[in-house]
Amino acid sequence: PKLRHVQVGSGQQQGQQVLVLSDPWGPSGCAVILPANLAPVLERCDGTCDIATLRTVLELRTGLRVGPDYLEKMFIALDKALMIDNEHFAQVYREAVNNFRTAPSRPPTMADRVYPANPELLEQVLYGYFDGLLPDASDMTKAAEVRGLVSPHIDYQRGGIVYAGVWRRAAQAAGAAEVAIILGTNHFNGQKLITLTKQSYSTPLGVLVTPGDVVDAVASALGEGEVFAEEFNHRNEHSVEAAAVWLHYLVKDKGCELVPVLCGSFQRFIEGDGNPGDDYEIARFVEAVRKTTANRRTLIVAAGDLAHVGPAFGDRYPVNVLEKAKLSSADNELMSAITSGDAEGMFQQVKKEGDRRRICGLSAIYLALRLLGKAKGDVTGYAQCPADQQGASFVSICGIVLT
C-alpha cells in the first residue's frame, strides 16, 4: 500500500494519543483516526512494503504485535477514505474531476463558514468592514492608476479590516476592470507552479465568468498537461475565492471576468540554485497573460498571506513580544520590496532566510509583480493574526495597492 499525501495531525481520544489523517483537498473529505503507535507503519507506506513487512516494522519499532488482519482492516478503512494511492482512488478522482469540470460553475466553499451565503447578509457584512475604516484621503486614487493589489486570504473574521483597507483603495479600479487575474496560493502540496481551470467561480452574488481565451493561451504556452494536472485543487482551495468575493461585491453586475490561478510552492527555488526570474515556465506564463489581456482593462490580484510562525506551524517555541517585533520588522522589509515592485528582491529576502517564516503568499505575490512589470505601491494595512488559542502562533497579513 502507498499512502497518498494527506494531512497527519495528533490528538487524544478517550485519554489515548491518536493520529488524525485527513484529506481536505480530496474527493471524500473524510478523516481517519488511528492509534499513535501506528506512526512507523504509516511512515513506511510508500508502495515498497507489503503488509507482512509492515507488521514486522511495527513490532521492531514499537514492540507491538498485532493480529494478521489488524493492518488489513486499517488499510480497508484508509482505502474507503480514499487515502491510498491505488486504482480505486484514481477512478473516484477521475469522476470527481469530470463532475467539477461539467458543473455550471465552481461553487463557493467558504459560504456560511467565513462569510454569509445569503447575498444580502454578505453585502451587509462587507459594508460593515468598510464602515469600520478610518477616513483616508488617498482613497481618491484614480482607477486608471491602480493596476494591482495584494489581498489576504485568511478568514474575514481575523483579516476583515485589512481586506477592507486594500479593497477600498482599489474600489474604482475593480469597478472599471474588464478582467481580473486572481493569483492565489495553492495550499495543497502539488508539484505544479501554475494551475488553471476553465471553470467559472460562483459567489453568493452570482457568477464571475472565466475567459476561455486567456486560459487557452496559457495552456497553449505551457501545455495542457501542465496547467490542468492539478485542476481539482480549485474545488476546495479558498485563496482565490477569498479575494473573488470582495471583487464581486465591488463590480456588482458589471460583468468583470475572472482568471483564477493557483500558484504552487517556490521551494525548488529556495532550496536549489535556480531562480524564478530565470524560469522558462514563469516567463511563458507572464507573456501569455500579458498578450491576451493587453487590450482589456486588467486588475492583477495576489491573494496571499505573509508569515506563519509559532508552534501551530511546527516551531518549537511560542512567539513572544520580542519575536513579534522581529516578525514585524522582517515583514516590513518584505513589504518594502513589494511596494518597490521588486519581485526578485522579495524572493531573495525569503530565500536568504530559507523561508523560515513560511511566506505562503510568496509565489502569488511574485507572479503578480512579474505580470505588472514596473510598479510601485502603498501598504494599506498590516496585522498579526492569532493562529492558536494560546496566543503563541501568528499569521501576518498585509494589504498593498499597486500603481
Protein backbone atom coordinates (compact mmCIF):
# COMPACT_ATOMS: atom_id res chain seq x y z
CA PRO A 1 0.00 0.00 0.00
CA LYS A 2 1.04 3.55 -0.77
CA LEU A 3 -0.35 6.36 1.36
CA ARG A 4 -1.33 9.48 -0.55
CA HIS A 5 -0.12 12.90 0.54
CA VAL A 6 -2.59 13.54 3.38
CA GLN A 7 -2.53 15.74 6.43
CA VAL A 8 -1.49 13.98 9.65
CA GLY A 9 -2.34 15.62 12.94
CA SER A 10 -2.32 14.44 16.54
CA GLY A 11 -4.92 14.42 19.28
CA GLN A 12 -6.46 12.46 22.10
CA GLN A 13 -9.41 10.10 22.16
CA GLN A 14 -10.61 8.55 25.41
CA GLY A 15 -7.31 9.54 27.02
CA GLN A 16 -5.18 7.88 24.34
CA GLN A 17 -2.85 9.59 21.85
CA VAL A 18 -4.15 9.26 18.31
CA LEU A 19 -3.23 10.27 14.77
CA VAL A 20 -5.84 12.09 12.71
CA LEU A 21 -5.46 11.59 8.95
CA SER A 22 -7.45 13.96 6.77
CA ASP A 23 -7.57 14.94 3.12
CA PRO A 24 -9.45 18.23 2.83
CA TRP A 25 -8.46 18.57 -0.84
CA GLY A 26 -9.56 15.10 -1.94
CA PRO A 27 -12.94 13.85 -3.18
CA SER A 28 -14.06 12.25 0.10
CA GLY A 29 -13.28 14.89 2.74
CA CYS A 30 -13.15 12.06 5.32
CA ALA A 31 -10.88 11.72 8.33
CA VAL A 32 -9.44 8.52 9.81
CA ILE A 33 -8.36 8.24 13.46
CA LEU A 34 -5.60 5.73 14.28
CA PRO A 35 -3.61 4.84 17.42
CA ALA A 36 -0.47 6.97 17.62
CA ASN A 37 1.80 3.91 17.85
CA LEU A 38 0.97 3.07 14.22
CA ALA A 39 3.08 6.01 13.03
CA PRO A 40 6.02 3.73 11.98
CA VAL A 41 3.66 1.82 9.69
CA LEU A 42 2.40 4.99 8.01
CA GLU A 43 5.97 6.23 7.52
CA ARG A 44 6.75 3.09 5.50
CA CYS A 45 3.58 3.13 3.39
CA ASP A 46 5.45 4.22 0.27
CA GLY A 47 4.46 1.34 -2.01
CA THR A 48 7.59 -0.73 -1.34
CA CYS A 49 6.48 -2.82 1.68
CA ASP A 50 3.78 -5.49 1.82
CA ILE A 51 1.55 -5.85 4.87
CA ALA A 52 3.63 -8.64 6.37
CA THR A 53 6.71 -6.43 6.23
CA LEU A 54 4.80 -3.55 7.79
CA ARG A 55 3.75 -5.81 10.69
CA THR A 56 7.43 -6.62 11.24
CA VAL A 57 8.35 -2.93 11.12
CA LEU A 58 5.70 -2.19 13.75
CA GLU A 59 7.00 -4.91 16.08
CA LEU A 60 10.65 -3.89 15.70
CA ARG A 61 9.97 -0.18 16.18
CA THR A 62 7.38 -0.32 18.98
CA GLY A 63 7.38 -3.86 20.34
CA LEU A 64 3.70 -4.06 19.42
CA ARG A 65 2.41 -7.32 17.96
CA VAL A 66 -0.89 -7.24 16.08
CA GLY A 67 -3.05 -9.96 14.59
CA PRO A 68 -2.77 -10.89 10.92
CA ASP A 69 -5.89 -8.95 9.92
CA TYR A 70 -5.31 -5.83 12.05
CA LEU A 71 -3.38 -3.88 9.42
CA GLU A 72 -5.58 -5.21 6.64
CA LYS A 73 -8.63 -3.68 8.36
CA MET A 74 -6.72 -0.41 8.78
CA PHE A 75 -5.94 -0.28 5.07
CA ILE A 76 -9.54 -1.08 4.19
CA ALA A 77 -10.58 1.97 6.24
CA LEU A 78 -7.92 4.13 4.58
CA ASP A 79 -8.98 2.88 1.17
CA LYS A 80 -12.62 3.76 1.85
CA ALA A 81 -11.45 7.26 2.82
CA LEU A 82 -9.54 7.46 -0.50
CA MET A 83 -6.19 7.89 1.23
CA ILE A 84 -4.44 5.02 -0.58
CA ASP A 85 -2.83 5.69 -3.97
CA ASN A 86 -4.48 2.92 -5.99
CA GLU A 87 -6.92 2.34 -8.84
CA HIS A 88 -9.92 2.86 -6.53
CA PHE A 89 -8.75 6.37 -5.72
CA ALA A 90 -7.81 7.05 -9.36
CA GLN A 91 -11.29 6.12 -10.56
CA VAL A 92 -13.10 8.23 -7.95
CA TYR A 93 -10.71 11.12 -8.62
CA ARG A 94 -11.37 10.99 -12.39
CA GLU A 95 -15.11 11.08 -11.75
CA ALA A 96 -14.74 13.99 -9.32
CA VAL A 97 -12.65 15.98 -11.80
CA ASN A 98 -15.22 15.37 -14.53
CA ASN A 99 -18.05 16.47 -12.23
CA PHE A 100 -16.10 19.61 -11.34
CA ARG A 101 -15.43 20.49 -14.97
CA THR A 102 -19.02 19.90 -16.13
CA ALA A 103 -20.75 21.69 -13.25
CA PRO A 104 -22.41 25.03 -14.08
CA SER A 105 -19.68 26.78 -12.05
CA ARG A 106 -17.33 26.25 -9.14
CA PRO A 107 -19.50 26.70 -6.01
CA PRO A 108 -18.25 28.80 -3.08
CA THR A 109 -16.71 26.67 -0.34
CA MET A 110 -16.50 29.25 2.45
CA ALA A 111 -20.12 30.39 2.37
CA ASP A 112 -21.73 30.24 5.83
CA ARG A 113 -18.32 29.45 7.34
CA VAL A 114 -16.26 32.58 6.59
CA TYR A 115 -18.99 34.78 5.16
CA PRO A 116 -22.80 34.56 4.79
CA ALA A 117 -24.20 32.56 1.87
CA ASN A 118 -27.15 34.94 1.75
CA PRO A 119 -26.21 37.74 -0.69
CA GLU A 120 -27.97 40.48 1.27
CA LEU A 121 -26.30 39.46 4.53
CA LEU A 122 -22.96 39.19 2.73
CA GLU A 123 -23.24 42.75 1.45
CA GLN A 124 -24.08 43.95 4.95
CA VAL A 125 -21.02 42.18 6.39
CA LEU A 126 -18.64 43.58 3.78
CA TYR A 127 -20.12 47.05 4.11
CA GLY A 128 -19.59 46.77 7.85
CA TYR A 129 -15.87 46.14 7.33
CA PHE A 130 -15.64 49.20 5.07
CA ASP A 131 -17.65 51.26 7.51
CA GLY A 132 -15.20 50.38 10.30
CA LEU A 133 -12.28 52.01 8.48
CA LEU A 134 -10.98 55.46 9.29
CA PRO A 135 -11.34 58.13 6.57
CA ASP A 136 -8.42 58.14 4.11
CA ALA A 137 -7.81 60.94 1.63
CA SER A 138 -5.76 58.57 -0.53
CA ASP A 139 -8.93 56.60 -1.29
CA MET A 140 -9.43 59.01 -4.17
CA THR A 141 -6.74 57.22 -6.20
CA LYS A 142 -7.97 57.20 -9.79
CA ALA A 143 -9.00 53.87 -11.27
CA ALA A 144 -6.53 54.27 -14.12
CA GLU A 145 -3.62 54.48 -11.66
CA VAL A 146 -4.37 51.24 -9.80
CA ARG A 147 -3.12 48.16 -11.61
CA GLY A 148 -2.98 45.56 -8.88
CA LEU A 149 -3.15 44.73 -5.21
CA VAL A 150 -2.05 42.27 -2.56
CA SER A 151 -5.03 40.99 -0.58
CA PRO A 152 -5.02 38.44 2.26
CA HIS A 153 -6.62 35.02 2.01
CA ILE A 154 -7.04 34.45 5.75
CA ASP A 155 -10.62 34.24 7.07
CA TYR A 156 -12.55 37.51 7.18
CA GLN A 157 -13.11 37.29 10.92
CA ARG A 158 -9.39 37.83 11.56
CA GLY A 159 -8.43 39.80 8.47
CA GLY A 160 -11.56 41.75 7.59
CA ILE A 161 -10.15 45.22 8.30
CA VAL A 162 -7.03 44.55 6.22
CA TYR A 163 -9.20 43.23 3.37
CA ALA A 164 -11.41 46.30 3.57
CA GLY A 165 -8.47 48.70 3.63
CA VAL A 166 -6.93 47.46 0.40
CA TRP A 167 -10.18 46.85 -1.47
CA ARG A 168 -11.43 50.35 -0.56
CA ARG A 169 -8.31 51.81 -2.18
CA ALA A 170 -8.80 49.57 -5.22
CA ALA A 171 -12.57 50.06 -5.46
CA GLN A 172 -12.51 52.31 -8.52
CA ALA A 173 -10.08 50.02 -10.32
CA ALA A 174 -12.19 46.96 -9.51
CA GLY A 175 -15.33 48.69 -10.72
CA ALA A 176 -13.64 49.63 -14.00
CA ALA A 177 -11.89 46.28 -14.61
CA GLU A 178 -12.88 44.14 -17.56
CA VAL A 179 -10.87 41.18 -16.36
CA ALA A 180 -9.24 40.32 -13.04
CA ILE A 181 -6.35 37.88 -12.71
CA ILE A 182 -6.51 36.46 -9.17
CA LEU A 183 -3.36 34.59 -8.21
CA GLY A 184 -3.99 32.52 -5.09
CA THR A 185 -1.71 30.31 -3.03
CA ASN A 186 -2.15 26.61 -3.74
CA HIS A 187 -2.04 25.24 -0.20
CA PHE A 188 -2.23 21.67 -1.43
CA ASN A 189 1.35 20.49 -1.85
CA GLY A 190 1.18 19.91 -5.58
CA GLN A 191 4.06 19.85 -8.00
CA LYS A 192 2.87 22.46 -10.47
CA LEU A 193 3.82 26.13 -10.36
CA ILE A 194 0.69 27.27 -12.18
CA THR A 195 -2.70 25.55 -12.08
CA LEU A 196 -5.62 26.81 -14.13
CA THR A 197 -9.24 25.90 -14.67
CA LYS A 198 -11.78 26.84 -17.33
CA GLN A 199 -14.48 26.68 -14.67
CA SER A 200 -16.14 29.94 -13.67
CA TYR A 201 -16.29 30.91 -9.99
CA SER A 202 -19.57 31.43 -8.15
CA THR A 203 -20.03 33.70 -5.16
CA PRO A 204 -23.29 34.40 -3.28
CA LEU A 205 -23.58 37.43 -5.58
CA GLY A 206 -23.59 35.42 -8.80
CA VAL A 207 -21.00 34.03 -11.22
CA LEU A 208 -17.67 35.52 -12.26
CA VAL A 209 -17.10 34.11 -15.73
CA THR A 210 -13.66 32.76 -16.63
CA PRO A 211 -12.50 33.96 -20.08
CA GLY A 212 -11.55 30.91 -22.12
CA ASP A 213 -9.14 32.77 -24.39
CA VAL A 214 -6.79 33.70 -21.54
CA VAL A 215 -6.81 30.19 -20.10
CA ASP A 216 -6.32 28.67 -23.55
CA ALA A 217 -3.38 30.98 -24.26
CA VAL A 218 -1.58 29.93 -21.06
CA ALA A 219 -2.41 26.25 -21.67
CA SER A 220 -1.02 26.54 -25.19
CA ALA A 221 2.17 28.18 -23.91
CA LEU A 222 2.82 25.74 -21.05
CA GLY A 223 0.96 22.62 -22.13
CA GLU A 224 -2.48 21.44 -21.04
CA GLY A 225 -0.97 18.53 -19.11
CA GLU A 226 1.00 21.02 -17.05
CA VAL A 227 -1.64 23.60 -16.18
CA PHE A 228 -4.64 21.27 -15.74
CA ALA A 229 -2.91 18.34 -13.99
CA GLU A 230 -3.95 19.61 -10.55
CA GLU A 231 -7.10 21.46 -11.62
CA PHE A 232 -9.21 19.70 -9.00
CA ASN A 233 -7.38 21.71 -6.32
CA HIS A 234 -9.55 24.65 -7.40
CA ARG A 235 -12.59 22.90 -5.94
CA ASN A 236 -11.61 23.31 -2.28
CA GLU A 237 -8.77 25.84 -2.34
CA HIS A 238 -10.00 29.02 -0.64
CA SER A 239 -7.35 31.58 -1.63
CA VAL A 240 -8.83 32.75 -4.95
CA GLU A 241 -12.35 32.65 -3.52
CA ALA A 242 -11.36 34.86 -0.58
CA ALA A 243 -10.45 37.69 -2.96
CA ALA A 244 -13.13 36.95 -5.56
CA VAL A 245 -15.94 37.72 -3.09
CA TRP A 246 -14.58 41.24 -2.46
CA LEU A 247 -14.07 41.77 -6.19
CA HIS A 248 -17.63 40.68 -6.93
CA TYR A 249 -19.03 42.97 -4.24
CA LEU A 250 -17.35 45.93 -5.94
CA VAL A 251 -18.05 45.09 -9.60
CA LYS A 252 -21.69 44.11 -8.90
CA ASP A 253 -23.35 43.15 -12.20
CA LYS A 254 -20.89 44.98 -14.43
CA GLY A 255 -19.54 41.77 -15.91
CA CYS A 256 -15.88 41.64 -14.91
CA GLU A 257 -14.29 38.35 -15.97
CA LEU A 258 -12.09 36.32 -13.62
CA VAL A 259 -8.98 34.28 -14.41
CA PRO A 260 -8.38 32.07 -11.32
CA VAL A 261 -4.75 30.94 -10.97
CA LEU A 262 -3.42 28.69 -8.22
CA CYS A 263 0.29 29.24 -7.58
CA GLY A 264 2.46 26.38 -6.39
CA SER A 265 5.37 26.41 -3.97
CA PHE A 266 8.69 28.12 -4.77
CA GLN A 267 10.51 25.59 -2.57
CA ARG A 268 12.51 24.31 -5.53
CA PHE A 269 14.00 27.77 -5.99
CA ILE A 270 14.54 28.34 -2.27
CA GLU A 271 16.38 25.06 -1.73
CA GLY A 272 18.17 24.88 -5.09
CA ASP A 273 20.33 27.09 -7.24
CA GLY A 274 17.54 28.08 -9.63
CA ASN A 275 15.84 31.45 -9.65
CA PRO A 276 12.22 32.19 -10.60
CA GLY A 277 13.50 35.13 -12.62
CA ASP A 278 15.19 32.67 -14.98
CA ASP A 279 12.37 30.12 -15.07
CA TYR A 280 11.05 29.43 -18.58
CA GLU A 281 7.59 28.39 -17.40
CA ILE A 282 7.06 31.59 -15.43
CA ALA A 283 8.28 33.71 -18.35
CA ARG A 284 5.89 31.97 -20.75
CA PHE A 285 3.00 32.39 -18.32
CA VAL A 286 3.66 36.13 -17.94
CA GLU A 287 3.98 36.58 -21.69
CA ALA A 288 0.74 34.71 -22.46
CA VAL A 289 -1.34 36.59 -19.88
CA ARG A 290 0.02 39.97 -20.89
CA LYS A 291 -0.58 39.32 -24.57
CA THR A 292 -4.19 38.13 -24.20
CA THR A 293 -5.20 40.91 -21.79
CA ALA A 294 -3.31 43.76 -23.49
CA ASN A 295 -6.47 45.39 -24.85
CA ARG A 296 -8.58 44.91 -21.73
CA ARG A 297 -8.60 46.89 -18.53
CA THR A 298 -6.95 44.37 -16.23
CA LEU A 299 -6.63 44.13 -12.45
CA ILE A 300 -3.90 41.87 -11.02
CA VAL A 301 -4.68 40.48 -7.56
CA ALA A 302 -2.29 38.46 -5.39
CA ALA A 303 -4.33 36.61 -2.75
CA GLY A 304 -1.56 35.72 -0.33
CA ASP A 305 -0.73 35.92 3.36
CA LEU A 306 2.76 36.54 4.75
CA ALA A 307 4.45 34.72 7.67
CA HIS A 308 3.21 31.68 9.60
CA VAL A 309 5.14 31.30 12.86
CA GLY A 310 4.79 29.53 16.19
CA PRO A 311 4.04 26.01 17.47
CA ALA A 312 0.89 25.76 15.33
CA PHE A 313 3.17 25.69 12.30
CA GLY A 314 5.89 23.44 13.68
CA ASP A 315 8.11 25.90 15.56
CA ARG A 316 9.45 24.68 18.89
CA TYR A 317 8.81 27.84 20.89
CA PRO A 318 5.90 30.27 21.27
CA VAL A 319 6.12 33.72 19.72
CA ASN A 320 6.76 36.24 22.50
CA VAL A 321 6.66 40.04 22.38
CA LEU A 322 10.25 40.29 21.15
CA GLU A 323 9.65 37.74 18.39
CA LYS A 324 6.51 39.59 17.31
CA ALA A 325 8.56 42.77 16.96
CA LYS A 326 11.18 40.89 14.91
CA LEU A 327 8.38 39.46 12.76
CA SER A 328 7.01 42.94 12.13
CA SER A 329 10.46 44.21 11.15
CA ALA A 330 11.07 41.32 8.74
CA ASP A 331 7.61 41.77 7.22
CA ASN A 332 8.31 45.47 6.73
CA GLU A 333 11.41 44.61 4.71
CA LEU A 334 9.37 42.23 2.59
CA MET A 335 6.60 44.79 2.05
CA SER A 336 9.20 47.39 1.10
CA ALA A 337 10.36 45.16 -1.74
CA ILE A 338 6.76 44.61 -2.84
CA THR A 339 5.89 48.31 -2.82
CA SER A 340 9.02 48.92 -4.90
CA GLY A 341 7.77 46.42 -7.47
CA ASP A 342 10.90 44.37 -6.83
CA ALA A 343 9.82 40.76 -7.39
CA GLU A 344 13.38 39.42 -7.42
CA GLY A 345 14.34 41.36 -4.29
CA MET A 346 11.32 40.00 -2.44
CA PHE A 347 12.20 36.44 -3.44
CA GLN A 348 15.84 36.84 -2.43
CA GLN A 349 14.78 38.01 1.05
CA VAL A 350 12.75 34.84 1.53
CA LYS A 351 15.48 32.64 0.07
CA LYS A 352 18.14 34.21 2.31
CA GLU A 353 16.26 33.13 5.43
CA GLY A 354 15.37 29.73 3.95
CA ASP A 355 11.68 30.62 4.12
CA ARG A 356 11.96 30.12 7.87
CA ARG A 357 8.83 32.25 8.40
CA ARG A 358 6.79 30.29 5.82
CA ILE A 359 5.67 33.10 3.50
CA CYS A 360 2.76 31.25 1.93
CA GLY A 361 1.88 34.08 -0.46
CA LEU A 362 5.37 34.18 -1.96
CA SER A 363 4.61 32.68 -5.37
CA ALA A 364 1.31 34.54 -5.83
CA ILE A 365 2.81 37.93 -4.95
CA TYR A 366 5.92 37.28 -7.05
CA LEU A 367 3.87 36.37 -10.13
CA ALA A 368 1.63 39.41 -9.63
CA LEU A 369 4.68 41.70 -9.61
CA ARG A 370 6.05 40.00 -12.72
CA LEU A 371 2.73 40.49 -14.52
CA LEU A 372 2.63 44.17 -13.53
CA GLY A 373 6.21 44.90 -14.61
CA LYS A 374 7.18 48.33 -13.35
CA ALA A 375 5.07 49.12 -10.33
CA LYS A 376 5.09 50.95 -7.04
CA GLY A 377 2.77 50.52 -4.11
CA ASP A 378 1.43 51.66 -0.78
CA VAL A 379 0.74 49.50 2.25
CA THR A 380 -2.90 49.93 3.23
CA GLY A 381 -2.89 47.62 6.24
CA TYR A 382 -0.91 45.09 8.26
CA ALA A 383 -1.87 42.70 11.05
CA GLN A 384 -0.52 39.77 13.04
CA CYS A 385 -3.46 37.40 13.44
CA PRO A 386 -3.51 34.79 16.23
CA ALA A 387 -3.32 31.20 14.99
CA ASP A 388 -3.92 29.28 18.22
CA GLN A 389 -5.87 29.67 21.44
CA GLN A 390 -2.71 30.20 23.49
CA GLY A 391 -1.66 33.30 21.53
CA ALA A 392 1.65 31.58 20.78
CA SER A 393 1.35 31.40 16.97
CA PHE A 394 0.58 34.05 14.38
CA VAL A 395 -0.17 34.63 10.72
CA SER A 396 0.86 38.03 9.40
CA ILE A 397 -1.12 39.63 6.59
CA CYS A 398 -0.99 42.85 4.62
CA GLY A 399 -2.87 44.89 2.08
CA ILE A 400 -0.94 46.67 -0.66
CA VAL A 401 -2.27 48.67 -3.59
CA LEU A 402 -0.01 48.78 -6.67
CA THR A 403 0.05 51.52 -9.29
